[in-house]
Amino acid sequence: MFDFVDSAALNHEQGQRARKLFAAVVLAALDDAIADDRKYGNGPEQIARWARSRDGREVLSCAGIDPNERVVKGLMEFVAKGVRTSVALSREESERRQAQLLLEAEAA
């Protein structure tokens, strides 16, 4: 009985680590597309092409993201904003966006 529980917990933990690894690949693809957008101006098209490809759909699925058209549009919008993923995920950026939303709400 306990062996089953231990192996199930181990498998769950390994699955979570694999999902995080694939999520890191998605973040790297976003950063590459942002770099392409700055250099060549075609970042949103690049991330859309990747996300619609067989490999892109597989990576998104393994990262726990449903590879549908809504997700592709969201990735394109993220790349168009031009904010690198490390900055977008930082606490300072989150606080800055929250403060800006509060200012906009007060102005309205």
PDB file of N, CA and C in Angstrom:
ATOM      1  N   MET A   1       0.827  -1.196   0.000  1.00  0.00           N
ATOM      2  CA  MET A   1       0.000   0.000   0.000  1.00  0.00           C
ATOM      3  C   MET A   1       0.864   1.249   0.000  1.00  0.00           C
ATOM      4  N   PHE A   2       1.838   1.309   0.915  1.00  0.00           N
ATOM      5  CA  PHE A   2       2.671   2.505   1.005  1.00  0.00           C
ATOM      6  C   PHE A   2       3.586   2.638  -0.206  1.00  0.00           C
ATOM      7  N   ASP A   3       3.995   1.500  -0.783  1.00  0.00           N
ATOM      8  CA  ASP A   3       4.825   1.565  -1.987  1.00  0.00           C
ATOM      9  C   ASP A   3       4.065   2.235  -3.120  1.00  0.00           C
ATOM     10  N   PHE A   4       2.777   1.943  -3.248  1.00  0.00           N
ATOM     11  CA  PHE A   4       1.961   2.565  -4.299  1.00  0.00           C
ATOM     12  C   PHE A   4       1.871   4.068  -4.083  1.00  0.00           C
ATOM     13  N   VAL A   5       1.641   4.487  -2.850  1.00  0.00           N
ATOM     14  CA  VAL A   5       1.530   5.915  -2.531  1.00  0.00           C
ATOM     15  C   VAL A   5       2.854   6.618  -2.806  1.00  0.00           C
ATOM     16  N   ASP A   6       3.953   6.002  -2.396  1.00  0.00           N
ATOM     17  CA  ASP A   6       5.262   6.597  -2.633  1.00  0.00           C
ATOM     18  C   ASP A   6       5.551   6.734  -4.120  1.00  0.00           C
ATOM     19  N   SER A   7       5.240   5.710  -4.899  1.00  0.00           N
ATOM     20  CA  SER A   7       5.519   5.783  -6.334  1.00  0.00           C
ATOM     21  C   SER A   7       4.595   6.786  -7.012  1.00  0.00           C
ATOM     22  N   ALA A   8       3.361   6.894  -6.551  1.00  0.00           N
ATOM     23  CA  ALA A   8       2.450   7.883  -7.124  1.00  0.00           C
ATOM     24  C   ALA A   8       2.934   9.297  -6.821  1.00  0.00           C
ATOM     25  N   ALA A   9       3.407   9.524  -5.611  1.00  0.00           N
ATOM     26  CA  ALA A   9       3.940  10.843  -5.242  1.00  0.00           C
ATOM     27  C   ALA A   9       5.185  11.162  -6.053  1.00  0.00           C
ATOM     28  N   LEU A  10       6.043  10.176  -6.245  1.00  0.00           N
ATOM     29  CA  LEU A  10       7.258  10.378  -7.035  1.00  0.00           C
ATOM     30  C   LEU A  10       6.907  10.690  -8.485  1.00  0.00           C
ATOM     31  N   ASN A  11       5.961   9.959  -9.054  1.00  0.00           N
ATOM     32  CA  ASN A  11       5.555  10.212 -10.437  1.00  0.00           C
ATOM     33  C   ASN A  11       4.938  11.597 -10.588  1.00  0.00           C
ATOM     34  N   HIS A  12       4.146  12.009  -9.612  1.00  0.00           N
ATOM     35  CA  HIS A  12       3.544  13.349  -9.656  1.00  0.00           C
ATOM     36  C   HIS A  12       4.624  14.426  -9.606  1.00  0.00           C
ATOM     37  N   GLU A  13       5.590  14.224  -8.724  1.00  0.00           N
ATOM     38  CA  GLU A  13       6.680  15.196  -8.587  1.00  0.00           C
ATOM     39  C   GLU A  13       7.503  15.275  -9.870  1.00  0.00           C
ATOM     40  N   GLN A  14       7.791  14.149 -10.476  1.00  0.00           N
ATOM     41  CA  GLN A  14       8.538  14.145 -11.735  1.00  0.00           C
ATOM     42  C   GLN A  14       7.740  14.814 -12.852  1.00  0.00           C
ATOM     43  N   GLY A  15       6.442  14.598 -12.859  1.00  0.00           N
ATOM     44  CA  GLY A  15       5.590  15.241 -13.851  1.00  0.00           C
ATOM     45  C   GLY A  15       5.577  16.749 -13.698  1.00  0.00           C
ATOM     46  N   GLN A  16       5.547  17.219 -12.453  1.00  0.00           N
ATOM     47  CA  GLN A  16       5.577  18.658 -12.198  1.00  0.00           C
ATOM     48  C   GLN A  16       6.903  19.264 -12.656  1.00  0.00           C
ATOM     49  N   ARG A  17       8.005  18.560 -12.406  1.00  0.00           N
ATOM     50  CA  ARG A  17       9.311  19.060 -12.853  1.00  0.00           C
ATOM     51  C   ARG A  17       9.380  19.105 -14.370  1.00  0.00           C
ATOM     52  N   ALA A  18       8.842  18.098 -15.040  1.00  0.00           N
ATOM     53  CA  ALA A  18       8.838  18.086 -16.505  1.00  0.00           C
ATOM     54  C   ALA A  18       7.977  19.226 -17.052  1.00  0.00           C
ATOM     55  N   ARG A  19       6.844  19.488 -16.426  1.00  0.00           N
ATOM     56  CA  ARG A  19       5.971  20.582 -16.861  1.00  0.00           C
ATOM     57  C   ARG A  19       6.693  21.929 -16.718  1.00  0.00           C
ATOM     58  N   LYS A  20       7.424  22.106 -15.625  1.00  0.00           N
ATOM     59  CA  LYS A  20       8.189  23.344 -15.419  1.00  0.00           C
ATOM     60  C   LYS A  20       9.283  23.487 -16.474  1.00  0.00           C
ATOM     61  N   LEU A  21       9.908  22.371 -16.835  1.00  0.00           N
ATOM     62  CA  LEU A  21      10.941  22.410 -17.863  1.00  0.00           C
ATOM     63  C   LEU A  21      10.361  22.867 -19.197  1.00  0.00           C
ATOM     64  N   PHE A  22       9.216  22.329 -19.570  1.00  0.00           N
ATOM     65  CA  PHE A  22       8.589  22.733 -20.830  1.00  0.00           C
ATOM     66  C   PHE A  22       8.076  24.164 -20.758  1.00  0.00           C
ATOM     67  N   ALA A  23       7.643  24.613 -19.586  1.00  0.00           N
ATOM     68  CA  ALA A  23       7.233  26.012 -19.437  1.00  0.00           C
ATOM     69  C   ALA A  23       8.432  26.929 -19.653  1.00  0.00           C
ATOM     70  N   ALA A  24       9.612  26.507 -19.209  1.00  0.00           N
ATOM     71  CA  ALA A  24      10.819  27.302 -19.442  1.00  0.00           C
ATOM     72  C   ALA A  24      11.144  27.381 -20.933  1.00  0.00           C
ATOM     73  N   VAL A  25      10.866  26.326 -21.665  1.00  0.00           N
ATOM     74  CA  VAL A  25      11.078  26.342 -23.122  1.00  0.00           C
ATOM     75  C   VAL A  25      10.126  27.344 -23.773  1.00  0.00           C
ATOM     76  N   VAL A  26       8.884  27.398 -23.303  1.00  0.00           N
ATOM     77  CA  VAL A  26       7.921  28.373 -23.839  1.00  0.00           C
ATOM     78  C   VAL A  26       8.405  29.788 -23.556  1.00  0.00           C
ATOM     79  N   LEU A  27       8.894  30.043 -22.351  1.00  0.00           N
ATOM     80  CA  LEU A  27       9.409  31.370 -22.006  1.00  0.00           C
ATOM     81  C   LEU A  27      10.611  31.730 -22.876  1.00  0.00           C
ATOM     82  N   ALA A  28      11.478  30.765 -23.149  1.00  0.00           N
ATOM     83  CA  ALA A  28      12.630  31.023 -24.014  1.00  0.00           C
ATOM     84  C   ALA A  28      12.180  31.335 -25.438  1.00  0.00           C
ATOM     85  N   ALA A  29      11.146  30.637 -25.911  1.00  0.00           N
ATOM     86  CA  ALA A  29      10.619  30.919 -27.250  1.00  0.00           C
ATOM     87  C   ALA A  29      10.037  32.326 -27.314  1.00  0.00           C
ATOM     88  N   LEU A  30       9.374  32.751 -26.248  1.00  0.00           N
ATOM     89  CA  LEU A  30       8.845  34.117 -26.192  1.00  0.00           C
ATOM     90  C   LEU A  30       9.977  35.143 -26.224  1.00  0.00           C
ATOM     91  N   ASP A  31      11.032  34.901 -25.449  1.00  0.00           N
ATOM     92  CA  ASP A  31      12.174  35.823 -25.454  1.00  0.00           C
ATOM     93  C   ASP A  31      12.834  35.886 -26.825  1.00  0.00           C
ATOM     94  N   ASP A  32      12.952  34.743 -27.492  1.00  0.00           N
ATOM     95  CA  ASP A  32      13.525  34.728 -28.842  1.00  0.00           C
ATOM     96  C   ASP A  32      12.660  35.520 -29.817  1.00  0.00           C
ATOM     97  N   ALA A  33      11.353  35.374 -29.695  1.00  0.00           N
ATOM     98  CA  ALA A  33      10.448  36.105 -30.580  1.00  0.00           C
ATOM     99  C   ALA A  33      10.512  37.608 -30.308  1.00  0.00           C
ATOM    100  N   ILE A  34      10.666  37.996 -29.046  1.00  0.00           N
ATOM    101  CA  ILE A  34      10.804  39.419 -28.703  1.00  0.00           C
ATOM    102  C   ILE A  34      12.097  39.971 -29.291  1.00  0.00           C
ATOM    103  N   ALA A  35      13.171  39.188 -29.213  1.00  0.00           N
ATOM    104  CA  ALA A  35      14.442  39.614 -29.810  1.00  0.00           C
ATOM    105  C   ALA A  35      14.303  39.752 -31.323  1.00  0.00           C
ATOM    106  N   ASP A  36      13.613  38.812 -31.965  1.00  0.00           N
ATOM    107  CA  ASP A  36      13.369  38.906 -33.409  1.00  0.00           C
ATOM    108  C   ASP A  36      12.537  40.130 -33.741  1.00  0.00           C
ATOM    109  N   ASP A  37      11.567  40.447 -32.876  1.00  0.00           N
ATOM    110  CA  ASP A  37      10.719  41.604 -33.129  1.00  0.00           C
ATOM    111  C   ASP A  37      11.538  42.891 -33.076  1.00  0.00           C
ATOM    112  N   ARG A  38      12.448  42.975 -32.134  1.00  0.00           N
ATOM    113  CA  ARG A  38      13.286  44.175 -32.030  1.00  0.00           C
ATOM    114  C   ARG A  38      14.258  44.282 -33.204  1.00  0.00           C
ATOM    115  N   LYS A  39      14.774  43.127 -33.645  1.00  0.00           N
ATOM    116  CA  LYS A  39      15.796  43.134 -34.693  1.00  0.00           C
ATOM    117  C   LYS A  39      15.197  43.192 -36.091  1.00  0.00           C
ATOM    118  N   TYR A  40      14.187  42.363 -36.349  1.00  0.00           N
ATOM    119  CA  TYR A  40      13.629  42.236 -37.695  1.00  0.00           C
ATOM    120  C   TYR A  40      12.196  42.744 -37.821  1.00  0.00           C
ATOM    121  N   GLY A  41      11.503  42.903 -36.697  1.00  0.00           N
ATOM    122  CA  GLY A  41      10.125  43.376 -36.739  1.00  0.00           C
ATOM    123  C   GLY A  41       9.089  42.304 -37.024  1.00  0.00           C
ATOM    124  N   ASN A  42       9.468  41.034 -36.879  1.00  0.00           N
ATOM    125  CA  ASN A  42       8.524  39.956 -37.181  1.00  0.00           C
ATOM    126  C   ASN A  42       8.312  38.999 -36.011  1.00  0.00           C
ATOM    127  N   GLY A  43       8.430  39.484 -34.790  1.00  0.00           N
ATOM    128  CA  GLY A  43       8.315  38.625 -33.609  1.00  0.00           C
ATOM    129  C   GLY A  43       6.965  37.950 -33.438  1.00  0.00           C
ATOM    130  N   PRO A  44       5.851  38.716 -33.530  1.00  0.00           N
ATOM    131  CA  PRO A  44       4.550  38.061 -33.365  1.00  0.00           C
ATOM    132  C   PRO A  44       4.288  36.968 -34.408  1.00  0.00           C
ATOM    133  N   GLU A  45       4.734  37.197 -35.629  1.00  0.00           N
ATOM    134  CA  GLU A  45       4.542  36.166 -36.657  1.00  0.00           C
ATOM    135  C   GLU A  45       5.389  34.930 -36.365  1.00  0.00           C
ATOM    136  N   GLN A  46       6.604  35.161 -35.821  1.00  0.00           N
ATOM    137  CA  GLN A  46       7.480  34.043 -35.502  1.00  0.00           C
ATOM    138  C   GLN A  46       6.894  33.174 -34.391  1.00  0.00           C
ATOM    139  N   ILE A  47       6.392  33.808 -33.327  1.00  0.00           N
ATOM    140  CA  ILE A  47       5.845  33.016 -32.215  1.00  0.00           C
ATOM    141  C   ILE A  47       4.567  32.306 -32.659  1.00  0.00           C
ATOM    142  N   ALA A  48       3.789  32.942 -33.533  1.00  0.00           N
ATOM    143  CA  ALA A  48       2.576  32.288 -34.035  1.00  0.00           C
ATOM    144  C   ALA A  48       2.930  31.082 -34.888  1.00  0.00           C
ATOM    145  N   ARG A  49       3.935  31.228 -35.723  1.00  0.00           N
ATOM    146  CA  ARG A  49       4.358  30.102 -36.570  1.00  0.00           C
ATOM    147  C   ARG A  49       4.848  28.958 -35.701  1.00  0.00           C
ATOM    148  N   TRP A  50       5.629  29.294 -34.658  1.00  0.00           N
ATOM    149  CA  TRP A  50       6.133  28.254 -33.769  1.00  0.00           C
ATOM    150  C   TRP A  50       4.995  27.588 -33.006  1.00  0.00           C
ATOM    151  N   ALA A  51       4.080  28.368 -32.462  1.00  0.00           N
ATOM    152  CA  ALA A  51       2.995  27.812 -31.645  1.00  0.00           C
ATOM    153  C   ALA A  51       2.045  26.954 -32.473  1.00  0.00           C
ATOM    154  N   ARG A  52       1.919  27.258 -33.748  1.00  0.00           N
ATOM    155  CA  ARG A  52       1.041  26.469 -34.622  1.00  0.00           C
ATOM    156  C   ARG A  52       1.738  25.243 -35.197  1.00  0.00           C
ATOM    157  N   SER A  53       3.055  25.195 -35.092  1.00  0.00           N
ATOM    158  CA  SER A  53       3.787  24.046 -35.613  1.00  0.00           C
ATOM    159  C   SER A  53       3.550  22.826 -34.733  1.00  0.00           C
ATOM    160  N   ARG A  54       3.900  21.679 -35.258  1.00  0.00           N
ATOM    161  CA  ARG A  54       3.707  20.445 -34.494  1.00  0.00           C
ATOM    162  C   ARG A  54       4.562  20.450 -33.235  1.00  0.00           C
ATOM    163  N   ASP A  55       5.813  20.882 -33.349  1.00  0.00           N
ATOM    164  CA  ASP A  55       6.694  20.925 -32.181  1.00  0.00           C
ATOM    165  C   ASP A  55       6.189  21.934 -31.147  1.00  0.00           C
ATOM    166  N   GLY A  56       5.744  23.085 -31.624  1.00  0.00           N
ATOM    167  CA  GLY A  56       5.232  24.104 -30.714  1.00  0.00           C
ATOM    168  C   GLY A  56       4.003  23.628 -29.961  1.00  0.00           C
ATOM    169  N   ARG A  57       3.093  22.982 -30.682  1.00  0.00           N
ATOM    170  CA  ARG A  57       1.889  22.456 -30.020  1.00  0.00           C
ATOM    171  C   ARG A  57       2.257  21.396 -28.983  1.00  0.00           C
ATOM    172  N   GLU A  58       3.247  20.580 -29.313  1.00  0.00           N
ATOM    173  CA  GLU A  58       3.684  19.540 -28.374  1.00  0.00           C
ATOM    174  C   GLU A  58       4.300  20.155 -27.120  1.00  0.00           C
ATOM    175  N   VAL A  59       5.148  21.173 -27.289  1.00  0.00           N
ATOM    176  CA  VAL A  59       5.781  21.828 -26.138  1.00  0.00           C
ATOM    177  C   VAL A  59       4.725  22.524 -25.283  1.00  0.00           C
ATOM    178  N   LEU A  60       3.795  23.221 -25.916  1.00  0.00           N
ATOM    179  CA  LEU A  60       2.739  23.890 -25.156  1.00  0.00           C
ATOM    180  C   LEU A  60       1.908  22.871 -24.376  1.00  0.00           C
ATOM    181  N   SER A  61       1.580  21.759 -24.997  1.00  0.00           N
ATOM    182  CA  SER A  61       0.811  20.719 -24.305  1.00  0.00           C
ATOM    183  C   SER A  61       1.577  20.159 -23.115  1.00  0.00           C
ATOM    184  N   CYS A  62       2.858  19.896 -23.301  1.00  0.00           N
ATOM    185  CA  CYS A  62       3.671  19.360 -22.207  1.00  0.00           C
ATOM    186  C   CYS A  62       3.856  20.377 -21.093  1.00  0.00           C
ATOM    187  N   ALA A  63       3.748  21.664 -21.414  1.00  0.00           N
ATOM    188  CA  ALA A  63       3.846  22.708 -20.393  1.00  0.00           C
ATOM    189  C   ALA A  63       2.522  22.916 -19.676  1.00  0.00           C
ATOM    190  N   GLY A  64       1.485  22.207 -20.099  1.00  0.00           N
ATOM    191  CA  GLY A  64       0.181  22.338 -19.469  1.00  0.00           C
ATOM    192  C   GLY A  64      -0.664  23.442 -20.066  1.00  0.00           C
ATOM    193  N   ILE A  65      -0.320  23.884 -21.288  1.00  0.00           N
ATOM    194  CA  ILE A  65      -1.043  24.953 -21.965  1.00  0.00           C
ATOM    195  C   ILE A  65      -1.790  24.349 -23.151  1.00  0.00           C
ATOM    196  N   ASP A  66      -3.079  24.627 -23.247  1.00  0.00           N
ATOM    197  CA  ASP A  66      -3.877  24.120 -24.360  1.00  0.00           C
ATOM    198  C   ASP A  66      -3.499  24.891 -25.627  1.00  0.00           C
ATOM    199  N   PRO A  67      -2.944  24.222 -26.633  1.00  0.00           N
ATOM    200  CA  PRO A  67      -2.455  24.936 -27.820  1.00  0.00           C
ATOM    201  C   PRO A  67      -3.572  25.303 -28.799  1.00  0.00           C
ATOM    202  N   ASN A  68      -4.454  26.212 -28.384  1.00  0.00           N
ATOM    203  CA  ASN A  68      -5.533  26.629 -29.279  1.00  0.00           C
ATOM    204  C   ASN A  68      -5.247  28.019 -29.848  1.00  0.00           C
ATOM    205  N   GLU A  69      -6.106  28.492 -30.695  1.00  0.00           N
ATOM    206  CA  GLU A  69      -5.881  29.768 -31.380  1.00  0.00           C
ATOM    207  C   GLU A  69      -5.908  30.951 -30.400  1.00  0.00           C
ATOM    208  N   ARG A  70      -6.685  30.846 -29.365  1.00  0.00           N
ATOM    209  CA  ARG A  70      -6.725  31.918 -28.356  1.00  0.00           C
ATOM    210  C   ARG A  70      -5.370  32.073 -27.686  1.00  0.00           C
ATOM    211  N   VAL A  71      -4.709  30.972 -27.400  1.00  0.00           N
ATOM    212  CA  VAL A  71      -3.379  31.002 -26.804  1.00  0.00           C
ATOM    213  C   VAL A  71      -2.384  31.621 -27.771  1.00  0.00           C
ATOM    214  N   VAL A  72      -2.485  31.265 -29.054  1.00  0.00           N
ATOM    215  CA  VAL A  72      -1.581  31.813 -30.063  1.00  0.00           C
ATOM    216  C   VAL A  72      -1.734  33.334 -30.126  1.00  0.00           C
ATOM    217  N   LYS A  73      -2.955  33.814 -30.103  1.00  0.00           N
ATOM    218  CA  LYS A  73      -3.189  35.265 -30.128  1.00  0.00           C
ATOM    219  C   LYS A  73      -2.619  35.933 -28.877  1.00  0.00           C
ATOM    220  N   GLY A  74      -2.760  35.294 -27.733  1.00  0.00           N
ATOM    221  CA  GLY A  74      -2.198  35.830 -26.501  1.00  0.00           C
ATOM    222  C   GLY A  74      -0.675  35.891 -26.548  1.00  0.00           C
ATOM    223  N   LEU A  75      -0.056  34.856 -27.095  1.00  0.00           N
ATOM    224  CA  LEU A  75       1.405  34.870 -27.245  1.00  0.00           C
ATOM    225  C   LEU A  75       1.840  35.989 -28.190  1.00  0.00           C
ATOM    226  N   MET A  76       1.090  36.183 -29.264  1.00  0.00           N
ATOM    227  CA  MET A  76       1.413  37.247 -30.215  1.00  0.00           C
ATOM    228  C   MET A  76       1.292  38.619 -29.551  1.00  0.00           C
ATOM    229  N   GLU A  77       0.251  38.826 -28.760  1.00  0.00           N
ATOM    230  CA  GLU A  77       0.080  40.102 -28.057  1.00  0.00           C
ATOM    231  C   GLU A  77       1.207  40.336 -27.053  1.00  0.00           C
ATOM    232  N   PHE A  78       1.615  39.280 -26.360  1.00  0.00           N
ATOM    233  CA  PHE A  78       2.708  39.401 -25.405  1.00  0.00           C
ATOM    234  C   PHE A  78       3.994  39.815 -26.100  1.00  0.00           C
ATOM    235  N   VAL A  79       4.288  39.194 -27.235  1.00  0.00           N
ATOM    236  CA  VAL A  79       5.502  39.529 -27.979  1.00  0.00           C
ATOM    237  C   VAL A  79       5.418  40.950 -28.519  1.00  0.00           C
ATOM    238  N   ALA A  80       4.237  41.355 -28.968  1.00  0.00           N
ATOM    239  CA  ALA A  80       4.072  42.710 -29.513  1.00  0.00           C
ATOM    240  C   ALA A  80       4.331  43.774 -28.459  1.00  0.00           C
ATOM    241  N   LYS A  81       4.058  43.473 -27.185  1.00  0.00           N
ATOM    242  CA  LYS A  81       4.331  44.441 -26.114  1.00  0.00           C
ATOM    243  C   LYS A  81       5.825  44.659 -25.934  1.00  0.00           C
ATOM    244  N   GLY A  82       6.622  43.656 -26.235  1.00  0.00           N
ATOM    245  CA  GLY A  82       8.072  43.795 -26.186  1.00  0.00           C
ATOM    246  C   GLY A  82       8.691  43.726 -24.808  1.00  0.00           C
ATOM    247  N   VAL A  83       7.966  43.257 -23.813  1.00  0.00           N
ATOM    248  CA  VAL A  83       8.504  43.144 -22.454  1.00  0.00           C
ATOM    249  C   VAL A  83       9.057  41.736 -22.284  1.00  0.00           C
ATOM    250  N   ARG A  84      10.336  41.634 -21.960  1.00  0.00           N
ATOM    251  CA  ARG A  84      10.967  40.319 -21.794  1.00  0.00           C
ATOM    252  C   ARG A  84      10.287  39.554 -20.652  1.00  0.00           C
ATOM    253  N   THR A  85      10.317  38.245 -20.745  1.00  0.00           N
ATOM    254  CA  THR A  85       9.597  37.426 -19.768  1.00  0.00           C
ATOM    255  C   THR A  85      10.154  37.593 -18.362  1.00  0.00           C
ATOM    256  N   SER A  86      11.464  37.753 -18.229  1.00  0.00           N
ATOM    257  CA  SER A  86      12.043  37.921 -16.889  1.00  0.00           C
ATOM    258  C   SER A  86      11.556  39.207 -16.241  1.00  0.00           C
ATOM    259  N   VAL A  87      11.357  40.239 -17.039  1.00  0.00           N
ATOM    260  CA  VAL A  87      10.849  41.506 -16.520  1.00  0.00           C
ATOM    261  C   VAL A  87       9.356  41.395 -16.227  1.00  0.00           C
ATOM    262  N   ALA A  88       8.619  40.779 -17.139  1.00  0.00           N
ATOM    263  CA  ALA A  88       7.170  40.660 -16.980  1.00  0.00           C
ATOM    264  C   ALA A  88       6.796  39.829 -15.755  1.00  0.00           C
ATOM    265  N   LEU A  89       7.631  38.876 -15.386  1.00  0.00           N
ATOM    266  CA  LEU A  89       7.347  38.014 -14.252  1.00  0.00           C
ATOM    267  C   LEU A  89       7.902  38.546 -12.940  1.00  0.00           C
ATOM    268  N   SER A  90       8.585  39.681 -12.977  1.00  0.00           N
ATOM    269  CA  SER A  90       9.193  40.220 -11.760  1.00  0.00           C
ATOM    270  C   SER A  90       8.152  40.922 -10.899  1.00  0.00           C
ATOM    271  N   ARG A  91       8.439  41.034  -9.649  1.00  0.00           N
ATOM    272  CA  ARG A  91       7.539  41.677  -8.699  1.00  0.00           C
ATOM    273  C   ARG A  91       7.415  43.175  -8.987  1.00  0.00           C
ATOM    274  N   GLU A  92       8.525  43.814  -9.366  1.00  0.00           N
ATOM    275  CA  GLU A  92       8.499  45.251  -9.627  1.00  0.00           C
ATOM    276  C   GLU A  92       7.562  45.584 -10.780  1.00  0.00           C
ATOM    277  N   GLU A  93       7.628  44.791 -11.841  1.00  0.00           N
ATOM    278  CA  GLU A  93       6.751  45.030 -12.992  1.00  0.00           C
ATOM    279  C   GLU A  93       5.296  44.826 -12.610  1.00  0.00           C
ATOM    280  N   SER A  94       5.031  43.810 -11.794  1.00  0.00           N
ATOM    281  CA  SER A  94       3.671  43.550 -11.348  1.00  0.00           C
ATOM    282  C   SER A  94       3.141  44.714 -10.515  1.00  0.00           C
ATOM    283  N   GLU A  95       3.973  45.222  -9.620  1.00  0.00           N
ATOM    284  CA  GLU A  95       3.558  46.355  -8.793  1.00  0.00           C
ATOM    285  C   GLU A  95       3.344  47.611  -9.643  1.00  0.00           C
ATOM    286  N   ARG A  96       4.199  47.819 -10.655  1.00  0.00           N
ATOM    287  CA  ARG A  96       4.064  48.984 -11.525  1.00  0.00           C
ATOM    288  C   ARG A  96       2.756  48.920 -12.310  1.00  0.00           C
ATOM    289  N   ARG A  97       2.434  47.734 -12.835  1.00  0.00           N
ATOM    290  CA  ARG A  97       1.176  47.574 -13.581  1.00  0.00           C
ATOM    291  C   ARG A  97      -0.032  47.785 -12.679  1.00  0.00           C
ATOM    292  N   GLN A  98       0.044  47.288 -11.451  1.00  0.00           N
ATOM    293  CA  GLN A  98      -1.064  47.452 -10.505  1.00  0.00           C
ATOM    294  C   GLN A  98      -1.266  48.925 -10.169  1.00  0.00           C
ATOM    295  N   ALA A  99      -0.163  49.656  -9.954  1.00  0.00           N
ATOM    296  CA  ALA A  99      -0.261  51.086  -9.656  1.00  0.00           C
ATOM    297  C   ALA A  99      -0.845  51.852 -10.838  1.00  0.00           C
ATOM    298  N   GLN A 100      -0.469  51.463 -12.047  1.00  0.00           N
ATOM    299  CA  GLN A 100      -1.003  52.128 -13.237  1.00  0.00           C
ATOM    300  C   GLN A 100      -2.495  51.866 -13.374  1.00  0.00           C
ATOM    301  N   LEU A 101      -2.934  50.646 -13.080  1.00  0.00           N
ATOM    302  CA  LEU A 101      -4.369  50.338 -13.140  1.00  0.00           C
ATOM    303  C   LEU A 101      -5.138  51.155 -12.107  1.00  0.00           C
ATOM    304  N   LEU A 102      -4.570  51.320 -10.919  1.00  0.00           N
ATOM    305  CA  LEU A 102      -5.235  52.113  -9.885  1.00  0.00           C
ATOM    306  C   LEU A 102      -5.349  53.585 -10.308  1.00  0.00           C
ATOM    307  N   LEU A 103      -4.290  54.120 -10.914  1.00  0.00           N
ATOM    308  CA  LEU A 103      -4.327  55.500 -11.398  1.00  0.00           C
ATOM    309  C   LEU A 103      -5.387  55.682 -12.490  1.00  0.00           C
ATOM    310  N   GLU A 104      -5.471  54.723 -13.380  1.00  0.00           N
ATOM    311  CA  GLU A 104      -6.470  54.781 -14.447  1.00  0.00           C
ATOM    312  C   GLU A 104      -7.890  54.704 -13.878  1.00  0.00           C
ATOM    313  N   ALA A 105      -8.057  53.878 -12.850  1.00  0.00           N
ATOM    314  CA  ALA A 105      -9.384  53.740 -12.225  1.00  0.00           C
ATOM    315  C   ALA A 105      -9.772  55.031 -11.512  1.00  0.00           C
ATOM    316  N   GLU A 106      -8.820  55.695 -10.869  1.00  0.00           N
ATOM    317  CA  GLU A 106      -9.112  56.956 -10.191  1.00  0.00           C
ATOM    318  C   GLU A 106      -9.429  58.067 -11.186  1.00  0.00           C
ATOM    319  N   ALA A 107      -8.753  58.048 -12.329  1.00  0.00           N
ATOM    320  CA  ALA A 107      -8.968  59.082 -13.351  1.00  0.00           C
ATOM    321  C   ALA A 107     -10.331  58.921 -14.026  1.00  0.00           C
ATOM    322  N   ALA A 108     -10.843  57.721 -14.054  1.00  0.00           N
ATOM    323  CA  ALA A 108     -12.115  57.464 -14.749  1.00  0.00           C
ATOM    324  C   ALA A 108     -13.330  57.793 -13.914  1.00  0.00           C
TER     325      ALA A 108
END
